[in-house]
Protein backbone atom coordinates (compact mmCIF):
# COMPACT_ATOMS: atom_id res chain seq x y z
CA MET A 1 -3.69 -17.35 -25.70
CA SER A 2 -2.92 -18.09 -22.07
CA SER A 3 -1.82 -16.06 -19.09
CA VAL A 4 0.08 -17.54 -16.13
CA HIS A 5 -0.17 -16.41 -12.52
CA GLY A 6 1.74 -18.44 -9.97
CA ASP A 7 0.48 -21.99 -10.42
CA ILE A 8 -2.71 -20.76 -12.13
CA ILE A 9 -2.92 -20.63 -15.91
CA PHE A 10 -5.68 -18.42 -17.29
CA GLU A 11 -6.88 -19.26 -20.80
CA ASP A 12 -8.86 -16.76 -22.89
CA ASP A 13 -11.77 -19.23 -22.73
CA ASP A 14 -11.85 -18.73 -18.92
CA PHE A 15 -13.12 -15.17 -19.47
CA ASP A 16 -16.48 -13.98 -20.76
CA THR A 17 -14.79 -10.82 -22.06
CA VAL A 18 -11.23 -10.01 -23.11
CA LEU A 19 -10.27 -6.38 -23.73
CA SER A 20 -7.56 -6.71 -26.41
CA ARG A 21 -4.18 -4.96 -26.43
CA ASP A 22 -5.25 -2.58 -29.19
CA ILE A 23 -8.31 -1.29 -27.27
CA ASP A 24 -8.38 1.98 -25.29
CA PHE A 25 -11.50 2.26 -23.10
CA SER A 26 -12.55 5.32 -21.15
CA GLY A 27 -15.59 5.40 -18.86
CA THR A 28 -17.31 3.21 -16.29
CA MET A 29 -17.08 -0.55 -16.70
CA SER A 30 -19.45 -2.98 -14.93
CA PHE A 31 -19.49 -6.77 -15.18
CA GLU A 32 -20.26 -9.92 -13.20
CA GLU A 33 -18.36 -12.63 -15.08
CA PRO A 34 -14.55 -13.05 -15.31
CA PHE A 35 -12.93 -10.22 -17.30
CA LEU A 36 -9.38 -9.96 -18.74
CA ILE A 37 -7.83 -6.58 -19.58
CA ARG A 38 -4.93 -6.53 -22.02
CA GLY A 39 -5.44 -2.97 -23.30
CA ASN A 40 -5.76 0.46 -21.68
CA VAL A 41 -8.61 1.50 -19.38
CA SER A 42 -9.33 4.80 -17.68
CA GLY A 43 -12.33 5.62 -15.50
CA ASP A 44 -13.96 3.29 -12.98
CA ILE A 45 -14.41 -0.47 -12.77
CA ASP A 46 -17.31 -1.80 -10.71
CA ALA A 47 -17.46 -5.59 -10.86
CA LYS A 48 -18.70 -8.66 -9.06
CA GLY A 49 -16.41 -11.23 -10.70
CA LEU A 50 -12.73 -11.92 -11.23
CA LEU A 51 -10.71 -9.17 -12.91
CA VAL A 52 -7.28 -9.90 -14.39
CA VAL A 53 -5.05 -7.02 -15.52
CA ASP A 54 -2.56 -8.65 -17.90
CA GLU A 55 1.15 -7.80 -18.16
CA ASP A 56 0.99 -5.13 -20.87
CA ALA A 57 -2.27 -3.58 -19.66
CA VAL A 58 -2.47 -0.07 -18.19
CA VAL A 59 -5.45 0.70 -15.96
CA ASN A 60 -5.98 4.24 -14.65
CA ALA A 61 -9.14 3.55 -12.68
CA GLY A 62 -10.65 3.00 -9.29
CA ILE A 63 -11.47 -0.71 -9.02
CA ARG A 64 -14.23 -2.30 -6.95
CA THR A 65 -14.53 -6.07 -7.40
CA SER A 66 -14.50 -9.39 -5.59
CA ARG A 67 -11.05 -10.54 -6.72
CA VAL A 68 -8.35 -8.93 -8.85
CA VAL A 69 -5.07 -10.28 -10.22
CA ILE A 70 -2.67 -7.48 -11.22
CA ARG A 71 0.04 -8.46 -13.69
CA GLY A 72 0.29 -5.05 -15.41
CA LEU A 73 0.02 -1.45 -14.21
CA VAL A 74 -2.88 -0.18 -12.10
CA ARG A 75 -3.09 3.46 -11.00
CA GLY A 76 -6.04 3.90 -8.66
CA ASP A 77 -7.54 2.62 -5.45
CA VAL A 78 -8.58 -1.04 -5.31
CA VAL A 79 -11.41 -2.39 -3.14
CA ALA A 80 -11.86 -6.17 -3.28
CA SER A 81 -14.34 -8.17 -1.20
CA GLU A 82 -12.24 -11.36 -1.45
CA LYS A 83 -8.62 -10.91 -2.54
CA VAL A 84 -6.03 -8.73 -4.31
CA GLU A 85 -3.11 -10.52 -5.96
CA ILE A 86 -0.11 -8.63 -7.34
CA ALA A 87 2.13 -10.75 -9.58
CA ALA A 88 5.89 -10.24 -9.92
CA SER A 89 5.24 -8.24 -13.12
CA GLY A 90 2.48 -6.19 -11.46
CA ARG A 91 2.58 -2.59 -10.35
CA LEU A 92 -0.07 -0.95 -8.18
CA GLU A 93 -0.07 2.77 -7.41
CA GLY A 94 -3.03 3.26 -5.08
CA ASP A 95 -4.61 2.22 -1.82
CA VAL A 96 -5.98 -1.28 -1.25
CA THR A 97 -8.90 -2.37 0.92
CA THR A 98 -9.41 -6.14 1.07
CA PRO A 99 -9.57 -9.06 3.53
CA GLU A 100 -6.65 -10.83 1.79
CA ILE A 101 -3.67 -9.68 -0.30
CA SER A 102 -0.75 -11.52 -1.85
CA MET A 103 2.31 -9.94 -3.44
CA GLU A 104 4.92 -11.88 -5.37
CA ASN A 105 8.61 -10.98 -5.13
CA GLY A 106 9.44 -8.31 -7.69
CA CYS A 107 6.07 -6.55 -7.73
CA LEU A 108 5.78 -2.83 -7.00
CA PHE A 109 3.17 -1.46 -4.60
CA SER A 110 2.89 2.19 -3.63
CA GLY A 111 -0.04 2.98 -1.36
CA ARG A 112 -1.79 2.00 1.84
CA CYS A 113 -3.29 -1.38 2.59
CA THR A 114 -6.30 -1.83 4.85
CA MET A 115 -7.18 -5.40 5.78
CA THR A 116 -10.89 -6.05 6.40
CA GLY A 117 -13.02 -8.99 7.40
CA LYS A 118 -14.53 -11.15 4.65
CA GLY A 119 -17.44 -9.39 2.93
CA ALA A 120 -16.80 -6.06 4.66
CA THR A 121 -15.62 -4.17 1.56
CA GLN A 122 -18.70 -4.30 -0.72
């Protein structure tokens, strides 16, 4: 299965772990390699690698990572040391702290955005 973001196509093989649509996870999640969420997550996410929240995913969690692509729903504050990307299908309800953010037309963002220097957020 593949996932498209802008000009970037993510294949399942691009991710060390894929949380399927039928999975509900509650707790603290930590990882270093690329991670794709298609299911439901609540708690906290503390990561070093790329995180992609797919279109049907629902994440009720604070997120701390290097880079996140939001194509589904995220409720919680996001801290990214590199970049936050919100796709047209994405919805973010929470504050963002990152050196770089991109938002496609059609996305929904409700919160505050604080721009930092590279490497200042982790």
